[in-house]
Amino acid sequence: MKSPVVLVIDDDTEVRYTLERILSARDYEVVTADSGEEGLKVAKQAKPTVILLDNRMGGMSGIETLQHLRHTAPGSMVILMTAFGTAQTAIEAMKFGAFDYIIKPFDMQKILNLIEKAVMAYEDINQEAKGTAPILNSEDYKEGLVGSSEPMQEVLKIIGQVAASDATVMITGESGTGKELVARCIFQHSHRSSKPFIAVNCAAIPENLIESELFGHEKGSFTGATGQRKGKFELCDGGTIFLDEIGDMSPPTQTKILRALQEGEIQRVGGTDTIKVDVRLIAATNKNLEEMIKDASFREDLYYRLNVFRIRLPGLRDRLEDIPLLVEFMLQRLVKEGKARASRVSPDAMAILQTHKWPGNVRELENVMFRSAVIAQGDTILKKDLPTEIVMAVGDKAAPTPSPFNQPATTEEKPEAAPEAKPAADAPEEKIIIDDTPTLGVEEAFDMVFSTASERNPKDILHEVEKEMIRRALAQTEGNQAKAAGMLGITRATLKKRVDSYEL
């Protein structure tokens, strides 16, 4: 396996020498440059995995070099090194695509940990995705209703059944599940699609104004009514009106809605004339209307007029398998609108998205994807780009247990970086095929090794114990790298190196 290439760009000879010596001892392939200009040339040839870039150098500065590296080495993870941790430096480093930055003088273990995280991020971005969700077609994008799960397929079936009719539809579900999107889809597939579609959020309009908003008013009918005004029902004649949060509507307004549905006519506030309207009504609520009927806060007769067809939208936690398609749809839209450049999600980030319970449903996911796409440093959203509260809530469940591999080893053995917790539901990957040599029990392995301890080099003993632990983990996980690494408390990259070195 080819070692990760690290490019060190610094005009300080001692810094270059120290980093080269330490990184080379940890199986990194190290190349160096003493200026930004030279660094760009080396980066173009070496195609480094990670670039350590000093900020203040003679000639081109680190920030200037970073901007050019986005074109010269677009896939590299750049870590900016600076002795001046100003706010401007931090902002500019992240603005121009740095993976991270570190302030000099830095603890060597800290920079080693940061490099390892950068290598993992590089691997995640460049890992060939296996078993990914099917690509959205143009119809999916146009409709906006995305999902292949069984609950969503049931919703789509009902939409197909009711769209061609003029029957009223009641859409129920938690906030953020996409009730207005369903209403628009029904409208688009109806014979009224060439007529107006008007959405009204009943909870957002003050109670003393909602009748005027829906049915219009005559001049002088109330203070401030300086002229005649048509309401939403009148403006929507021949089309479809969507009343969202209808459970928040006052009883007097409910009575007028019932009349409009039964008789097909309305009266403006302050008016005496009856106005005929031909409107299809779709209503939605996140409240329990049946309970509201019991306490007389919602009219029973209106309920039955609205509840001709009922569409219950599932929460996102009930269709987690739809998240890859939803994410793809959201990112395509952001890229198309020029609001972000990230167009895909790394496997470990996707695993977190598919584990979170999403109390805010699709709306919460949409907000998370927008935030993550904006701060992503390339075309891929990484685990570090997700909101901390989501990563913490999910990641803690899959945190690796302490193991001997987390502890510093001897100088010859080279200390391992502290592993980053990874979600249990990691993406599918190539498995390590191990030989069929029977694994030993822990006590048997220790007894065998220590029985000849006096005759052997202590470093060989550690190697044998480590080798047996890796063999045992791979056997138990059937060769799955991610699971074995998590079991041992090390990163996937470290596991690969050990497998190669022990020729497992």
Protein backbone atom coordinates (compact mmCIF):
# COMPACT_ATOMS: atom_id res chain seq x y z
CA MET A 1 0.00 0.00 0.00
CA LYS A 2 1.38 3.39 -1.00
CA SER A 3 2.15 5.66 1.94
CA PRO A 4 0.38 9.05 2.14
CA VAL A 5 2.46 11.88 0.67
CA VAL A 6 2.97 14.92 2.90
CA LEU A 7 4.32 18.15 1.40
CA VAL A 8 5.95 20.57 3.86
CA ILE A 9 6.15 24.16 2.59
CA ASP A 10 8.18 26.33 4.99
CA ASP A 11 11.11 28.72 4.58
CA ASP A 12 12.55 27.58 7.95
CA THR A 13 15.15 24.86 7.29
CA GLU A 14 14.94 23.50 10.85
CA VAL A 15 11.13 23.16 10.67
CA ARG A 16 11.35 21.32 7.34
CA TYR A 17 14.06 18.98 8.65
CA THR A 18 12.22 18.19 11.90
CA LEU A 19 8.90 17.49 10.21
CA GLU A 20 10.54 15.41 7.49
CA ARG A 21 12.39 13.27 10.03
CA ILE A 22 9.38 12.65 12.28
CA LEU A 23 6.87 12.06 9.49
CA SER A 24 9.20 9.74 7.58
CA ALA A 25 9.57 7.65 10.73
CA ARG A 26 5.78 7.24 10.73
CA ASP A 27 5.69 5.79 7.22
CA TYR A 28 4.70 9.01 5.46
CA GLU A 29 6.39 9.91 2.19
CA VAL A 30 7.66 13.46 2.73
CA VAL A 31 8.56 16.10 0.17
CA THR A 32 9.53 19.68 1.01
CA ALA A 33 9.68 23.17 -0.48
CA ASP A 34 11.19 26.37 0.91
CA SER A 35 8.70 28.83 -0.62
CA GLY A 36 5.15 29.10 -1.83
CA GLU A 37 6.29 29.33 -5.45
CA GLU A 38 8.39 26.17 -5.14
CA GLY A 39 5.59 24.46 -3.21
CA LEU A 40 3.15 24.92 -6.09
CA LYS A 41 5.60 23.21 -8.47
CA VAL A 42 6.21 20.31 -6.08
CA ALA A 43 2.47 19.91 -5.36
CA LYS A 44 1.69 19.64 -9.06
CA GLN A 45 4.17 16.77 -9.46
CA ALA A 46 3.82 14.96 -6.11
CA LYS A 47 0.01 15.19 -5.77
CA PRO A 48 0.29 15.16 -1.96
CA THR A 49 -2.33 13.82 0.39
CA VAL A 50 -1.59 16.50 3.01
CA ILE A 51 0.16 19.84 2.69
CA LEU A 52 1.69 21.57 5.74
CA LEU A 53 1.88 25.21 4.70
CA ASP A 54 3.61 28.00 6.61
CA ASN A 55 1.77 31.32 6.47
CA ARG A 56 4.55 33.89 6.70
CA MET A 57 7.30 33.21 4.18
CA GLY A 58 9.46 35.30 1.91
CA GLY A 59 7.73 35.88 -1.41
CA MET A 60 4.25 34.40 -1.70
CA SER A 61 2.44 34.16 1.64
CA GLY A 62 0.75 31.02 2.89
CA ILE A 63 -2.74 32.41 2.26
CA GLU A 64 -1.77 33.35 -1.32
CA THR A 65 -0.24 29.90 -1.86
CA LEU A 66 -3.38 28.30 -0.44
CA GLN A 67 -5.54 30.06 -3.03
CA HIS A 68 -3.34 28.75 -5.86
CA LEU A 69 -3.27 25.24 -4.36
CA ARG A 70 -7.05 25.00 -4.84
CA HIS A 71 -6.29 24.72 -8.57
CA THR A 72 -2.85 23.09 -8.50
CA ALA A 73 -3.67 20.37 -5.93
CA PRO A 74 -7.46 20.44 -5.53
CA GLY A 75 -7.68 17.12 -3.70
CA SER A 76 -4.98 17.80 -1.09
CA MET A 77 -5.80 18.54 2.56
CA VAL A 78 -4.01 21.78 3.46
CA ILE A 79 -3.05 22.56 7.07
CA LEU A 80 -1.90 26.14 7.54
CA MET A 81 0.88 26.71 10.09
CA THR A 82 1.11 30.17 11.60
CA ALA A 83 2.86 31.85 14.51
CA PHE A 84 0.22 34.58 14.54
CA GLY A 85 -3.21 33.20 15.39
CA THR A 86 -5.20 36.26 14.41
CA ALA A 87 -8.91 36.23 13.65
CA GLN A 88 -8.19 37.31 10.08
CA THR A 89 -5.81 34.40 9.51
CA ALA A 90 -8.33 31.90 10.83
CA ILE A 91 -11.15 33.30 8.71
CA GLU A 92 -9.07 33.50 5.54
CA ALA A 93 -7.60 30.01 6.01
CA MET A 94 -11.04 28.41 6.17
CA LYS A 95 -12.47 30.73 3.53
CA PHE A 96 -9.89 29.64 0.96
CA GLY A 97 -10.27 25.93 1.63
CA ALA A 98 -7.79 24.90 4.35
CA PHE A 99 -8.58 21.63 6.11
CA ASP A 100 -7.46 23.24 9.37
CA TYR A 101 -4.80 25.50 10.79
CA ILE A 102 -2.41 25.20 13.72
CA ILE A 103 -0.54 27.84 15.71
CA LYS A 104 3.25 27.67 16.16
CA PRO A 105 4.96 26.53 18.25
CA PHE A 106 2.84 23.39 18.28
CA ASP A 107 3.00 20.14 20.16
CA MET A 108 4.29 17.45 17.81
CA GLN A 109 1.63 14.95 18.85
CA LYS A 110 -1.02 17.53 18.03
CA ILE A 111 0.24 18.04 14.48
CA LEU A 112 0.56 14.26 14.03
CA ASN A 113 -3.06 13.80 15.12
CA LEU A 114 -4.16 16.57 12.78
CA ILE A 115 -2.27 15.02 9.84
CA GLU A 116 -3.87 11.64 10.52
CA LYS A 117 -7.33 13.24 10.54
CA ALA A 118 -6.49 14.94 7.25
CA VAL A 119 -5.38 11.61 5.75
CA MET A 120 -8.63 10.00 6.86
CA ALA A 121 -10.59 12.87 5.33
CA TYR A 122 -8.65 12.45 2.09
CA GLU A 123 -9.41 8.72 2.04
CA ASP A 124 -13.10 9.34 2.72
CA ILE A 125 -13.32 11.83 -0.15
CA ASN A 126 -11.49 9.58 -2.58
CA GLN A 127 -12.96 6.29 -1.44
CA GLU A 128 -14.98 4.66 -4.19
CA ALA A 129 -18.55 4.57 -2.92
CA LYS A 130 -20.08 1.11 -3.07
CA GLY A 131 -23.77 0.38 -2.82
CA THR A 132 -24.74 4.04 -3.12
CA ALA A 133 -28.31 5.13 -3.62
CA PRO A 134 -29.61 5.36 -7.20
CA ILE A 135 -29.09 8.66 -8.94
CA LEU A 136 -32.07 10.98 -9.00
CA ASN A 137 -33.69 11.33 -12.37
CA SER A 138 -35.15 14.54 -13.76
CA GLU A 139 -38.67 13.58 -12.67
CA ASP A 140 -37.57 13.18 -9.06
CA TYR A 141 -35.89 16.57 -9.16
CA LYS A 142 -38.92 18.26 -10.66
CA GLU A 143 -41.41 16.78 -8.21
CA GLY A 144 -39.35 17.45 -5.12
CA LEU A 145 -40.90 14.44 -3.37
CA VAL A 146 -37.93 12.16 -2.86
CA GLY A 147 -37.95 8.71 -1.32
CA SER A 148 -38.04 5.03 -2.20
CA SER A 149 -38.93 3.75 1.27
CA GLU A 150 -42.18 1.88 1.81
CA PRO A 151 -43.84 4.72 3.82
CA MET A 152 -43.09 7.25 1.07
CA GLN A 153 -44.25 4.90 -1.66
CA GLU A 154 -47.60 4.65 0.12
CA VAL A 155 -47.83 8.45 0.17
CA LEU A 156 -47.07 8.65 -3.54
CA LYS A 157 -49.72 6.05 -4.32
CA ILE A 158 -52.39 8.06 -2.50
CA ILE A 159 -51.31 11.24 -4.30
CA GLY A 160 -51.78 9.45 -7.60
CA GLN A 161 -55.24 8.30 -6.56
CA VAL A 162 -56.55 11.68 -5.37
CA ALA A 163 -54.80 14.09 -7.76
CA ALA A 164 -57.24 13.73 -10.65
CA SER A 165 -60.33 14.31 -8.50
CA ASP A 166 -61.65 17.48 -6.85
CA ALA A 167 -61.96 15.84 -3.42
CA THR A 168 -60.68 17.69 -0.38
CA VAL A 169 -57.52 16.24 1.15
CA MET A 170 -56.29 16.32 4.73
CA ILE A 171 -52.50 16.01 5.16
CA THR A 172 -51.27 15.20 8.66
CA GLY A 173 -47.81 14.75 10.09
CA GLU A 174 -45.17 16.33 12.28
CA SER A 175 -43.72 19.74 11.49
CA GLY A 176 -41.05 19.62 8.82
CA THR A 177 -42.27 16.47 7.04
CA GLY A 178 -43.18 18.29 3.80
CA LYS A 179 -46.94 18.78 3.91
CA GLU A 180 -46.95 21.77 1.54
CA LEU A 181 -44.76 19.83 -0.89
CA VAL A 182 -47.37 17.07 -1.01
CA ALA A 183 -50.13 19.65 -1.56
CA ARG A 184 -48.24 21.18 -4.47
CA CYS A 185 -47.64 17.74 -5.97
CA ILE A 186 -51.38 16.99 -5.83
CA PHE A 187 -52.05 20.33 -7.52
CA GLN A 188 -49.44 19.78 -10.25
CA HIS A 189 -51.01 16.44 -11.21
CA SER A 190 -54.60 17.72 -11.16
CA HIS A 191 -56.71 19.19 -13.99
CA ARG A 192 -56.42 22.52 -12.13
CA SER A 193 -52.64 22.76 -12.64
CA SER A 194 -52.99 25.67 -15.10
CA LYS A 195 -54.94 27.67 -12.50
CA PRO A 196 -53.65 29.39 -9.33
CA PHE A 197 -52.21 27.58 -6.31
CA ILE A 198 -52.28 29.66 -3.13
CA ALA A 199 -50.81 28.49 0.18
CA VAL A 200 -51.99 30.11 3.43
CA ASN A 201 -50.37 29.49 6.82
CA CYS A 202 -53.31 29.90 9.19
CA ALA A 203 -51.04 30.05 12.24
CA ALA A 204 -49.09 33.01 10.85
CA ILE A 205 -52.10 35.33 10.36
CA PRO A 206 -53.60 37.20 13.34
CA GLU A 207 -57.09 35.99 14.25
CA ASN A 208 -58.68 39.40 13.56
CA LEU A 209 -57.26 39.43 10.01
CA ILE A 210 -57.62 35.84 8.82
CA GLU A 211 -61.23 36.24 7.58
CA SER A 212 -60.23 39.28 5.55
CA GLU A 213 -57.19 37.39 4.23
CA LEU A 214 -59.27 34.41 3.13
CA PHE A 215 -62.51 36.04 2.00
CA GLY A 216 -61.58 39.67 1.33
CA HIS A 217 -63.27 42.83 2.63
CA GLU A 218 -65.24 45.87 1.51
CA LYS A 219 -64.09 49.44 1.91
CA GLY A 220 -64.77 50.76 5.40
CA SER A 221 -65.65 47.36 6.84
CA PHE A 222 -63.10 47.88 9.64
CA THR A 223 -60.46 50.37 10.69
CA GLY A 224 -57.78 50.44 8.04
CA ALA A 225 -59.97 49.01 5.26
CA THR A 226 -59.36 51.91 2.86
CA GLY A 227 -60.54 50.01 -0.20
CA GLN A 228 -62.12 46.82 -1.47
CA ARG A 229 -59.88 43.78 -1.39
CA LYS A 230 -60.30 40.28 -2.82
CA GLY A 231 -59.47 37.34 -0.54
CA LYS A 232 -57.48 34.20 -1.27
CA PHE A 233 -60.59 32.15 -2.14
CA GLU A 234 -61.69 34.67 -4.73
CA LEU A 235 -58.20 35.04 -6.18
CA CYS A 236 -57.86 31.26 -6.36
CA ASP A 237 -61.09 30.69 -8.31
CA GLY A 238 -60.66 27.62 -10.51
CA GLY A 239 -57.47 26.60 -8.70
CA THR A 240 -56.34 25.03 -5.44
CA ILE A 241 -56.00 26.63 -2.02
CA PHE A 242 -53.78 25.03 0.63
CA LEU A 243 -54.65 25.86 4.25
CA ASP A 244 -51.66 24.89 6.38
CA GLU A 245 -52.01 24.55 10.17
CA ILE A 246 -55.78 24.58 9.90
CA GLY A 247 -55.99 23.39 13.50
CA ASP A 248 -55.03 26.92 14.58
CA MET A 249 -58.09 28.47 12.89
CA SER A 250 -60.72 30.08 15.14
CA PRO A 251 -64.26 28.54 15.31
CA PRO A 252 -65.95 31.53 13.53
CA THR A 253 -63.55 31.20 10.59
CA GLN A 254 -64.09 27.43 10.57
CA THR A 255 -67.81 28.10 10.03
CA LYS A 256 -67.13 30.25 6.98
CA ILE A 257 -64.71 27.66 5.57
CA LEU A 258 -67.44 25.03 5.97
CA ARG A 259 -69.92 27.20 4.05
CA ALA A 260 -67.40 27.79 1.26
CA LEU A 261 -66.91 24.03 0.93
CA GLN A 262 -70.60 23.11 1.12
CA GLU A 263 -72.12 25.90 -0.96
CA GLY A 264 -69.18 26.98 -3.10
CA GLU A 265 -69.73 30.62 -2.11
CA ILE A 266 -68.26 33.29 0.16
CA GLN A 267 -68.96 36.80 1.41
CA ARG A 268 -66.36 39.50 1.87
CA VAL A 269 -66.01 40.98 5.36
CA GLY A 270 -68.49 43.88 5.56
CA GLY A 271 -70.21 42.82 2.34
CA THR A 272 -73.68 41.50 1.57
CA ASP A 273 -73.17 40.02 -1.86
CA THR A 274 -72.63 36.28 -2.26
CA ILE A 275 -69.66 35.39 -4.47
CA LYS A 276 -69.48 32.02 -6.16
CA VAL A 277 -66.05 30.36 -6.08
CA ASP A 278 -64.77 27.11 -7.55
CA VAL A 279 -61.86 26.13 -5.35
CA ARG A 280 -60.32 22.81 -4.41
CA LEU A 281 -59.21 22.80 -0.77
CA ILE A 282 -56.25 20.90 0.67
CA ALA A 283 -55.68 21.25 4.41
CA ALA A 284 -52.80 20.26 6.66
CA THR A 285 -52.11 20.14 10.38
CA ASN A 286 -49.66 18.71 12.89
CA LYS A 287 -52.33 18.70 15.59
CA ASN A 288 -54.69 15.94 16.68
CA LEU A 289 -58.02 17.17 15.28
CA GLU A 290 -59.89 14.24 16.80
CA GLU A 291 -58.86 15.42 20.28
CA MET A 292 -59.72 19.01 19.36
CA ILE A 293 -63.24 17.90 18.39
CA LYS A 294 -63.69 16.38 21.86
CA ASP A 295 -62.85 19.67 23.57
CA ALA A 296 -64.96 21.64 21.05
CA SER A 297 -62.04 23.64 19.64
CA PHE A 298 -62.56 22.22 16.14
CA ARG A 299 -65.87 21.72 14.33
CA GLU A 300 -66.76 18.08 13.78
CA ASP A 301 -68.72 18.79 10.60
CA LEU A 302 -65.77 20.68 9.09
CA TYR A 303 -63.48 17.82 10.05
CA TYR A 304 -65.53 15.35 8.03
CA ARG A 305 -65.69 17.72 5.07
CA LEU A 306 -61.88 18.01 5.07
CA ASN A 307 -61.08 14.39 5.84
CA VAL A 308 -62.38 12.90 2.60
CA PHE A 309 -58.88 11.67 1.77
CA ARG A 310 -56.25 11.43 4.51
CA ILE A 311 -52.52 11.43 3.81
CA ARG A 312 -50.32 10.75 6.82
CA LEU A 313 -46.69 11.77 6.27
CA PRO A 314 -44.05 9.68 8.09
CA GLY A 315 -41.36 11.30 10.21
CA LEU A 316 -37.86 11.17 8.77
CA ARG A 317 -36.80 8.76 11.53
CA ASP A 318 -39.29 6.28 10.04
CA ARG A 319 -37.67 6.39 6.60
CA LEU A 320 -33.95 6.77 7.26
CA GLU A 321 -33.20 4.77 4.11
CA ASP A 322 -34.41 7.78 2.09
CA ILE A 323 -31.69 10.05 3.46
CA PRO A 324 -29.09 9.40 0.68
CA LEU A 325 -31.65 10.40 -1.98
CA LEU A 326 -32.82 13.40 0.03
CA VAL A 327 -29.23 14.54 0.54
CA GLU A 328 -28.47 14.17 -3.16
CA PHE A 329 -31.58 16.17 -4.05
CA MET A 330 -30.76 18.96 -1.58
CA LEU A 331 -27.12 19.24 -2.67
CA GLN A 332 -28.05 19.27 -6.38
CA ARG A 333 -30.42 22.12 -5.71
CA LEU A 334 -27.85 24.10 -3.70
CA VAL A 335 -25.23 23.67 -6.43
CA LYS A 336 -27.71 24.61 -9.16
CA GLU A 337 -28.69 27.75 -7.24
CA GLY A 338 -25.04 28.67 -6.70
CA LYS A 339 -25.34 28.57 -2.91
CA ALA A 340 -22.70 25.87 -2.33
CA ARG A 341 -20.19 23.72 -4.24
CA ALA A 342 -20.33 20.50 -2.21
CA SER A 343 -22.18 17.87 -4.24
CA ARG A 344 -21.61 14.69 -2.25
CA VAL A 345 -21.15 13.34 1.29
CA SER A 346 -18.35 11.14 2.61
CA PRO A 347 -19.30 7.63 3.81
CA ASP A 348 -18.68 8.34 7.51
CA ALA A 349 -20.72 11.57 7.33
CA MET A 350 -23.55 9.71 5.58
CA ALA A 351 -23.47 7.04 8.30
CA ILE A 352 -24.05 9.75 10.90
CA LEU A 353 -26.89 11.29 8.88
CA GLN A 354 -28.57 7.88 8.64
CA THR A 355 -28.24 7.27 12.40
CA HIS A 356 -29.54 10.60 13.72
CA LYS A 357 -33.23 10.57 14.74
CA TRP A 358 -34.12 13.94 13.10
CA PRO A 359 -36.72 15.44 15.46
CA GLY A 360 -37.09 18.32 13.00
CA ASN A 361 -37.64 15.89 10.11
CA VAL A 362 -36.82 16.85 6.50
CA ARG A 363 -36.68 20.55 7.35
CA GLU A 364 -33.93 19.87 9.91
CA LEU A 365 -32.00 17.76 7.39
CA GLU A 366 -32.31 20.53 4.81
CA ASN A 367 -30.90 23.09 7.25
CA VAL A 368 -28.04 20.76 8.20
CA MET A 369 -27.14 20.12 4.56
CA PHE A 370 -27.15 23.83 3.74
CA ARG A 371 -24.90 24.64 6.71
CA SER A 372 -22.55 21.73 5.99
CA ALA A 373 -22.35 22.45 2.25
CA VAL A 374 -21.47 26.08 2.92
CA ILE A 375 -18.54 25.31 5.25
CA ALA A 376 -17.25 22.25 3.32
CA GLN A 377 -13.77 22.90 1.95
CA GLY A 378 -14.26 20.97 -1.27
CA ASP A 379 -16.91 19.13 -3.23
CA THR A 380 -17.45 16.62 -0.41
CA ILE A 381 -19.10 17.13 2.99
CA LEU A 382 -16.99 15.43 5.66
CA LYS A 383 -17.84 14.33 9.18
CA LYS A 384 -16.15 17.46 10.54
CA ASP A 385 -18.49 19.65 8.48
CA LEU A 386 -21.61 18.33 10.21
CA PRO A 387 -23.03 20.16 13.26
CA THR A 388 -21.18 19.20 16.42
CA GLU A 389 -24.35 18.31 18.31
CA ILE A 390 -25.32 15.70 15.71
CA VAL A 391 -21.84 14.17 15.51
CA MET A 392 -21.61 14.01 19.31
CA ALA A 393 -25.06 12.46 19.71
CA VAL A 394 -24.35 9.76 17.15
CA GLY A 395 -20.59 9.36 17.47
CA ASP A 396 -20.60 8.70 21.21
CA LYS A 397 -22.58 5.51 20.60
CA ALA A 398 -19.81 4.17 18.38
CA ALA A 399 -16.80 5.43 20.32
CA PRO A 400 -13.97 2.87 20.37
CA THR A 401 -13.15 1.27 23.69
CA PRO A 402 -9.66 1.90 25.16
CA SER A 403 -6.99 -0.50 23.96
CA PRO A 404 -3.21 -0.89 24.17
CA PHE A 405 -2.99 0.68 20.70
CA ASN A 406 -4.11 4.06 22.12
CA GLN A 407 -1.07 4.29 24.36
CA PRO A 408 2.30 5.80 23.32
CA ALA A 409 4.86 3.18 22.38
CA THR A 410 8.65 3.26 22.40
CA THR A 411 10.60 5.69 20.21
CA GLU A 412 11.45 2.93 17.77
CA GLU A 413 7.83 1.85 17.56
CA LYS A 414 6.57 5.44 16.97
CA PRO A 415 3.58 6.74 18.97
CA GLU A 416 0.14 6.32 17.46
CA ALA A 417 -2.15 9.30 17.10
CA ALA A 418 -5.27 9.31 19.24
CA PRO A 419 -8.01 7.71 17.16
CA GLU A 420 -11.05 9.64 16.12
CA ALA A 421 -14.39 8.09 17.12
CA LYS A 422 -16.24 6.76 14.10
CA PRO A 423 -19.86 5.73 13.74
CA ALA A 424 -20.66 2.05 13.86
CA ALA A 425 -22.59 2.20 10.60
CA ASP A 426 -19.53 2.81 8.42
CA ALA A 427 -19.74 2.68 4.64
CA PRO A 428 -19.13 -0.63 2.85
CA GLU A 429 -15.51 -1.12 1.91
CA GLU A 430 -13.02 -3.65 0.62
CA LYS A 431 -12.38 -6.35 3.18
CA ILE A 432 -8.97 -7.61 4.25
CA ILE A 433 -8.72 -11.31 3.48
CA ILE A 434 -6.72 -13.00 6.21
CA ASP A 435 -5.28 -16.50 6.17
CA ASP A 436 -7.06 -19.37 7.85
CA THR A 437 -4.51 -19.87 10.61
CA PRO A 438 -6.49 -20.53 13.82
CA THR A 439 -6.49 -17.55 16.18
CA LEU A 440 -5.28 -18.09 19.73
CA GLY A 441 -7.15 -17.16 22.88
CA VAL A 442 -5.75 -14.17 24.77
CA GLU A 443 -4.38 -16.25 27.66
CA GLU A 444 -2.89 -18.82 25.29
CA ALA A 445 -1.22 -16.08 23.25
CA PHE A 446 0.30 -14.45 26.33
CA ASP A 447 1.46 -17.77 27.76
CA MET A 448 3.12 -18.70 24.47
CA VAL A 449 4.88 -15.35 24.10
CA PHE A 450 6.07 -14.96 27.70
CA SER A 451 7.31 -18.56 27.96
CA THR A 452 10.27 -17.57 25.81
CA ALA A 453 10.52 -13.93 26.87
CA SER A 454 14.00 -14.25 28.32
CA GLU A 455 15.37 -15.45 24.99
CA ARG A 456 13.85 -12.72 22.83
CA ASN A 457 13.94 -9.02 22.06
CA PRO A 458 11.20 -7.16 24.04
CA LYS A 459 10.12 -5.38 20.85
CA ASP A 460 9.45 -8.75 19.19
CA ILE A 461 7.12 -9.66 22.06
CA LEU A 462 5.07 -6.54 21.56
CA HIS A 463 4.91 -7.23 17.84
CA GLU A 464 3.60 -10.74 18.36
CA VAL A 465 0.94 -9.61 20.81
CA GLU A 466 -0.13 -6.81 18.49
CA LYS A 467 -0.17 -9.13 15.48
CA GLU A 468 -2.35 -11.66 17.30
CA MET A 469 -4.82 -8.96 18.43
CA ILE A 470 -5.15 -7.68 14.86
CA ARG A 471 -5.59 -11.20 13.50
CA ARG A 472 -8.25 -11.91 16.11
CA ALA A 473 -10.15 -8.67 15.38
CA LEU A 474 -10.13 -9.31 11.63
CA ALA A 475 -11.31 -12.87 12.12
CA GLN A 476 -14.16 -11.77 14.39
CA THR A 477 -15.29 -9.06 11.94
CA GLU A 478 -14.86 -11.30 8.88
CA GLY A 479 -12.17 -9.01 7.51
CA ASN A 480 -14.12 -5.74 7.77
CA GLN A 481 -11.48 -3.04 8.21
CA ALA A 482 -13.70 -0.38 9.77
CA LYS A 483 -15.21 -2.73 12.36
CA ALA A 484 -11.85 -4.25 13.24
CA ALA A 485 -10.24 -0.82 13.63
CA GLY A 486 -13.11 0.32 15.85
CA MET A 487 -12.78 -2.82 17.96
CA LEU A 488 -9.06 -2.18 18.46
CA GLY A 489 -9.45 1.56 19.02
CA ILE A 490 -7.28 2.58 16.08
CA THR A 491 -7.96 4.28 12.77
CA ARG A 492 -8.56 2.46 9.51
CA ALA A 493 -5.31 3.88 8.06
CA THR A 494 -3.27 2.56 11.00
CA LEU A 495 -4.87 -0.85 10.69
CA LYS A 496 -3.94 -1.03 6.99
CA LYS A 497 -0.31 -0.22 7.81
CA ARG A 498 -0.17 -2.94 10.48
CA VAL A 499 -1.75 -5.52 8.18
CA ASP A 500 0.85 -4.77 5.52
CA SER A 501 3.77 -4.78 7.95
CA TYR A 502 2.73 -8.11 9.48
CA GLU A 503 1.83 -9.57 6.06
CA LEU A 504 -1.56 -10.77 7.32
